[in-house]
Amino acid sequence: MDKILLIEDLAEYQVLVRGVLGPQFQVACVETLRDAAALLAKEKFNAIILDALLPDGDGLKFCAELRSGANTSNIPLVMLTARGSITDKVAAFSNGADDYVTKPFEPLELKARIEALVKRFSERNQSAGTLVRGSLRLATEEYKAYAQEGSREQELKLTPMEFRLLQFLIKNEHRVVTRADILQGVWGSGVFVVDRVIDKHVSSLRQKLGVHSEYIQTVPRLGYQFQVPSAHLAEATFSAQSSSLSVGG
């Protein structure tokens, strides 16, 4: 399920956004820029909804800082604010916002805008030869895999076979794949590999994924399933007291 970060201090809008997006997206709500920065340092999101006026700072300035962060520069961002002048909108887009919605707003319109942004971002990643799931990112053309560790990405030292295995599992996300499916999808037709060898490769891949090994679940008597937990733990070190609120830089 795609994850949305809502940075909004008014409870009525938190309830409204959760209500319209909740069935389709996992929505995390924070009320301050400090909390938003801390959460972005340890979790990946598919889109951000940001208020312009928050208790601890300026949303527009925070938007600009997100755009300069190594791990947040490409996350779709929608400004959600009561400011509706042309000057305000131009300032938001100049600071890196992808869309702008004024309060009060029509919930279904916000939902449609978020859906469109998330879809475009996903398609852009796919066309660029990138697969992103949870805290994992695969650069398919380079045969490289990365895991988000705190505010930084770390490359996973996978063998070509382990990379193909992970790529196959990700492309079949949520589906239970049998060992026969894995054999066909990873090794190809005409190759004989016993189940024990497949299990050994899965075990090795899990070891290299570390804390993200829980993404690969064993389904007894059937096979394996790739699924990102709705709330997975990721170790992160981040100084939320930094005056610049630098994220992932």
Protein backbone atom coordinates (compact mmCIF):
# COMPACT_ATOMS: atom_id res chain seq x y z
CA MET A 1 0.00 0.00 0.00
CA ASP A 2 1.37 3.43 -0.96
CA LYS A 3 2.23 5.70 1.96
CA ILE A 4 1.26 9.36 2.29
CA LEU A 5 2.75 11.77 4.82
CA LEU A 6 0.34 14.51 5.94
CA ILE A 7 2.00 17.46 7.70
CA GLU A 8 -0.97 19.31 9.19
CA ASP A 9 -1.60 20.64 12.69
CA LEU A 10 -5.40 20.96 12.55
CA ALA A 11 -7.24 17.82 13.66
CA GLU A 12 -10.28 18.49 11.44
CA TYR A 13 -8.15 18.34 8.30
CA GLN A 14 -6.27 15.28 9.53
CA VAL A 15 -9.60 13.47 9.91
CA LEU A 16 -10.80 14.69 6.51
CA VAL A 17 -7.65 13.61 4.65
CA ARG A 18 -7.47 10.27 6.43
CA GLY A 19 -11.11 9.66 5.60
CA VAL A 20 -10.79 10.22 1.88
CA LEU A 21 -7.35 8.64 1.39
CA GLY A 22 -7.44 5.94 4.07
CA PRO A 23 -9.11 3.17 2.04
CA GLN A 24 -6.43 3.38 -0.67
CA PHE A 25 -3.35 4.80 1.05
CA GLN A 26 -1.59 4.41 4.38
CA VAL A 27 -1.68 7.93 5.82
CA ALA A 28 0.77 9.05 8.51
CA CYS A 29 -0.03 12.37 10.22
CA VAL A 30 2.38 14.71 12.00
CA GLU A 31 1.73 18.21 13.30
CA THR A 32 5.19 19.78 13.16
CA LEU A 33 8.08 20.09 10.73
CA ARG A 34 10.38 18.58 13.33
CA ASP A 35 8.27 15.42 13.53
CA ALA A 36 8.02 15.31 9.74
CA ALA A 37 11.79 15.51 9.34
CA ALA A 38 12.31 12.73 11.89
CA LEU A 39 9.78 10.47 10.16
CA LEU A 40 11.19 11.13 6.70
CA ALA A 41 14.62 10.16 7.98
CA LYS A 42 13.49 6.60 8.68
CA GLU A 43 10.56 5.89 6.37
CA LYS A 44 9.83 6.19 2.67
CA PHE A 45 6.67 7.89 1.40
CA ASN A 46 5.00 7.97 -2.00
CA ALA A 47 3.69 11.52 -1.55
CA ILE A 48 3.68 14.38 0.94
CA ILE A 49 0.80 16.74 1.77
CA LEU A 50 2.19 19.86 3.44
CA ASP A 51 0.51 22.81 5.13
CA ALA A 52 2.16 26.18 4.64
CA LEU A 53 1.75 27.39 8.23
CA LEU A 54 2.87 25.06 11.01
CA PRO A 55 3.62 25.62 14.71
CA ASP A 56 7.38 25.34 14.33
CA GLY A 57 8.09 26.85 10.96
CA ASP A 58 7.34 27.77 7.37
CA GLY A 59 6.03 24.97 5.16
CA LEU A 60 7.38 26.61 2.00
CA LYS A 61 10.90 26.72 3.40
CA PHE A 62 10.59 23.08 4.44
CA CYS A 63 9.41 22.21 0.93
CA ALA A 64 12.55 23.77 -0.52
CA GLU A 65 14.71 21.83 1.95
CA LEU A 66 13.01 18.58 0.98
CA ARG A 67 13.82 19.28 -2.65
CA SER A 68 17.51 19.60 -1.77
CA GLY A 69 17.58 16.35 0.23
CA ALA A 70 19.15 13.32 -1.43
CA ASN A 71 16.32 11.00 -0.38
CA THR A 72 13.37 13.40 -0.59
CA SER A 73 13.99 15.43 -3.73
CA ASN A 74 11.73 13.32 -5.94
CA ILE A 75 8.80 12.66 -3.60
CA PRO A 76 5.59 14.20 -5.02
CA LEU A 77 4.47 17.07 -2.80
CA VAL A 78 1.12 18.85 -2.55
CA MET A 79 0.73 22.11 -0.64
CA LEU A 80 -2.53 22.18 1.33
CA THR A 81 -3.14 25.65 2.72
CA ALA A 82 -5.66 28.42 3.28
CA ARG A 83 -3.46 30.80 1.31
CA GLY A 84 -4.98 31.09 -2.14
CA SER A 85 -3.43 34.09 -3.87
CA ILE A 86 -1.52 33.81 -7.11
CA THR A 87 1.58 35.05 -5.29
CA ASP A 88 1.31 32.22 -2.76
CA LYS A 89 0.85 29.62 -5.48
CA VAL A 90 3.80 30.89 -7.50
CA ALA A 91 5.97 30.83 -4.36
CA ALA A 92 4.95 27.23 -3.65
CA PHE A 93 5.77 26.02 -7.15
CA SER A 94 9.03 27.97 -7.10
CA ASN A 95 10.02 26.12 -3.92
CA GLY A 96 9.36 22.72 -5.47
CA ALA A 97 5.68 21.91 -4.89
CA ASP A 98 4.09 19.64 -7.50
CA ASP A 99 0.51 20.72 -6.81
CA TYR A 100 -1.44 23.22 -4.75
CA VAL A 101 -4.81 22.78 -3.02
CA THR A 102 -6.52 25.55 -1.07
CA LYS A 103 -8.63 25.14 2.06
CA PRO A 104 -11.50 24.48 2.25
CA PHE A 105 -11.22 21.79 -0.40
CA GLU A 106 -13.29 19.07 -2.01
CA PRO A 107 -12.03 15.74 -0.59
CA LEU A 108 -12.55 13.80 -3.81
CA GLU A 109 -10.54 16.39 -5.73
CA LEU A 110 -7.63 16.01 -3.32
CA LYS A 111 -7.85 12.23 -3.69
CA ALA A 112 -7.77 12.51 -7.49
CA ARG A 113 -4.75 14.80 -7.37
CA ILE A 114 -2.84 12.49 -5.02
CA GLU A 115 -3.68 9.44 -7.14
CA ALA A 116 -2.43 11.19 -10.29
CA LEU A 117 0.81 12.32 -8.65
CA VAL A 118 1.60 8.91 -7.17
CA LYS A 119 0.87 7.21 -10.49
CA ARG A 120 3.12 9.59 -12.45
CA PHE A 121 5.93 9.19 -9.92
CA SER A 122 5.65 5.40 -10.07
CA GLU A 123 5.68 5.39 -13.87
CA ARG A 124 8.69 7.70 -13.91
CA ASN A 125 10.57 5.33 -11.61
CA GLN A 126 9.69 2.34 -13.76
CA SER A 127 10.73 4.05 -16.99
CA ALA A 128 14.01 5.08 -15.40
CA GLY A 129 14.83 1.45 -14.70
CA THR A 130 14.09 1.70 -11.00
CA LEU A 131 11.96 -0.45 -8.71
CA VAL A 132 11.10 0.99 -5.30
CA ARG A 133 9.34 -1.00 -2.61
CA GLY A 134 9.34 0.07 1.02
CA SER A 135 12.94 0.83 2.00
CA LEU A 136 14.41 -1.02 -0.99
CA ARG A 137 15.39 0.42 -4.36
CA LEU A 138 16.59 -1.58 -7.35
CA ALA A 139 18.49 0.06 -10.21
CA THR A 140 17.57 -2.59 -12.76
CA GLU A 141 19.85 -1.41 -15.55
CA GLU A 142 22.88 -1.36 -13.24
CA TYR A 143 22.02 -4.57 -11.38
CA LYS A 144 22.38 -2.75 -8.07
CA ALA A 145 20.15 -2.82 -4.99
CA TYR A 146 19.97 -0.29 -2.18
CA ALA A 147 18.35 -0.19 1.26
CA GLN A 148 17.34 2.88 3.20
CA GLU A 149 19.30 2.96 6.46
CA GLY A 150 18.26 5.95 8.51
CA SER A 151 18.71 9.05 6.39
CA ARG A 152 21.03 7.36 3.88
CA GLU A 153 20.94 4.64 1.27
CA GLN A 154 23.32 1.71 1.53
CA GLU A 155 24.17 -0.54 -1.40
CA LEU A 156 23.43 -4.22 -0.87
CA LYS A 157 26.20 -6.51 -2.08
CA LEU A 158 24.04 -8.96 -4.01
CA THR A 159 25.22 -11.55 -6.51
CA PRO A 160 23.59 -11.37 -9.97
CA MET A 161 21.43 -14.37 -9.05
CA GLU A 162 20.32 -12.77 -5.78
CA PHE A 163 19.52 -9.56 -7.62
CA ARG A 164 17.36 -11.39 -10.18
CA LEU A 165 15.64 -13.26 -7.36
CA LEU A 166 14.83 -10.05 -5.49
CA GLN A 167 13.65 -8.38 -8.69
CA PHE A 168 11.38 -11.34 -9.47
CA LEU A 169 9.86 -11.30 -5.98
CA ILE A 170 9.26 -7.54 -6.10
CA LYS A 171 7.57 -7.74 -9.50
CA ASN A 172 5.27 -10.41 -8.04
CA GLU A 173 4.55 -8.42 -4.89
CA HIS A 174 1.65 -9.75 -2.75
CA ARG A 175 1.48 -12.93 -4.84
CA VAL A 176 2.55 -16.29 -3.43
CA VAL A 177 5.18 -17.68 -5.81
CA THR A 178 6.08 -21.35 -5.81
CA ARG A 179 9.59 -22.68 -6.21
CA ALA A 180 8.59 -23.69 -9.73
CA ASP A 181 7.63 -20.06 -10.42
CA ILE A 182 10.99 -18.89 -9.10
CA LEU A 183 12.84 -21.49 -11.16
CA GLN A 184 11.09 -20.35 -14.33
CA GLY A 185 11.32 -16.63 -13.60
CA VAL A 186 14.89 -16.47 -12.30
CA TRP A 187 16.79 -19.39 -13.85
CA GLY A 188 14.68 -19.79 -16.99
CA SER A 189 13.27 -22.79 -18.82
CA GLY A 190 15.39 -25.86 -19.46
CA VAL A 191 17.34 -25.50 -16.22
CA PHE A 192 17.01 -28.06 -13.44
CA VAL A 193 17.50 -26.76 -9.91
CA VAL A 194 16.40 -28.63 -6.80
CA ASP A 195 14.22 -26.91 -4.23
CA ARG A 196 17.06 -26.88 -1.70
CA VAL A 197 19.17 -24.66 -3.96
CA ILE A 198 16.32 -22.18 -4.39
CA ASP A 199 15.78 -22.09 -0.62
CA LYS A 200 19.49 -21.49 -0.09
CA HIS A 201 19.44 -18.48 -2.43
CA VAL A 202 16.38 -17.08 -0.65
CA SER A 203 18.11 -17.57 2.71
CA SER A 204 21.25 -15.81 1.48
CA LEU A 205 19.19 -12.94 0.08
CA ARG A 206 17.38 -12.53 3.38
CA GLN A 207 20.67 -12.35 5.26
CA LYS A 208 21.89 -9.54 3.02
CA LEU A 209 18.59 -7.66 3.37
CA GLY A 210 19.17 -7.52 7.12
CA VAL A 211 16.30 -5.75 8.91
CA HIS A 212 14.37 -5.76 5.63
CA SER A 213 14.42 -9.56 5.38
CA GLU A 214 10.85 -9.56 6.70
CA TYR A 215 9.76 -8.34 3.27
CA ILE A 216 10.22 -11.95 2.07
CA GLN A 217 7.75 -14.21 3.83
CA THR A 218 7.72 -18.00 3.75
CA VAL A 219 4.33 -19.52 2.94
CA PRO A 220 4.40 -23.09 4.30
CA ARG A 221 4.05 -25.83 1.67
CA LEU A 222 3.61 -23.24 -1.08
CA GLY A 223 6.59 -20.95 -1.53
CA TYR A 224 7.38 -17.31 -0.84
CA GLN A 225 5.67 -13.94 -0.86
CA PHE A 226 7.16 -10.44 -1.10
CA GLN A 227 5.21 -7.92 0.94
CA VAL A 228 6.25 -4.69 2.62
CA PRO A 229 4.84 -4.60 6.18
CA SER A 230 2.47 -1.72 6.85
CA ALA A 231 4.74 -0.59 9.65
CA HIS A 232 8.32 -1.81 9.40
CA LEU A 233 11.12 -0.84 11.70
CA ALA A 234 14.14 0.98 10.31
CA GLU A 235 17.06 2.15 12.40
CA ALA A 236 17.83 5.78 11.87
CA THR A 237 20.01 8.43 13.38
CA PHE A 238 18.71 11.89 12.79
CA SER A 239 19.10 15.12 14.66
CA ALA A 240 15.66 16.65 14.65
CA GLN A 241 17.09 19.63 16.51
CA SER A 242 19.04 20.78 13.48
CA SER A 243 18.00 24.31 12.71
CA SER A 244 18.04 23.65 9.00
CA LEU A 245 15.78 20.59 9.23
CA SER A 246 18.00 18.96 6.63
CA VAL A 247 16.46 15.69 5.43
CA GLY A 248 18.61 12.94 3.98
CA GLY A 249 21.28 15.36 2.82
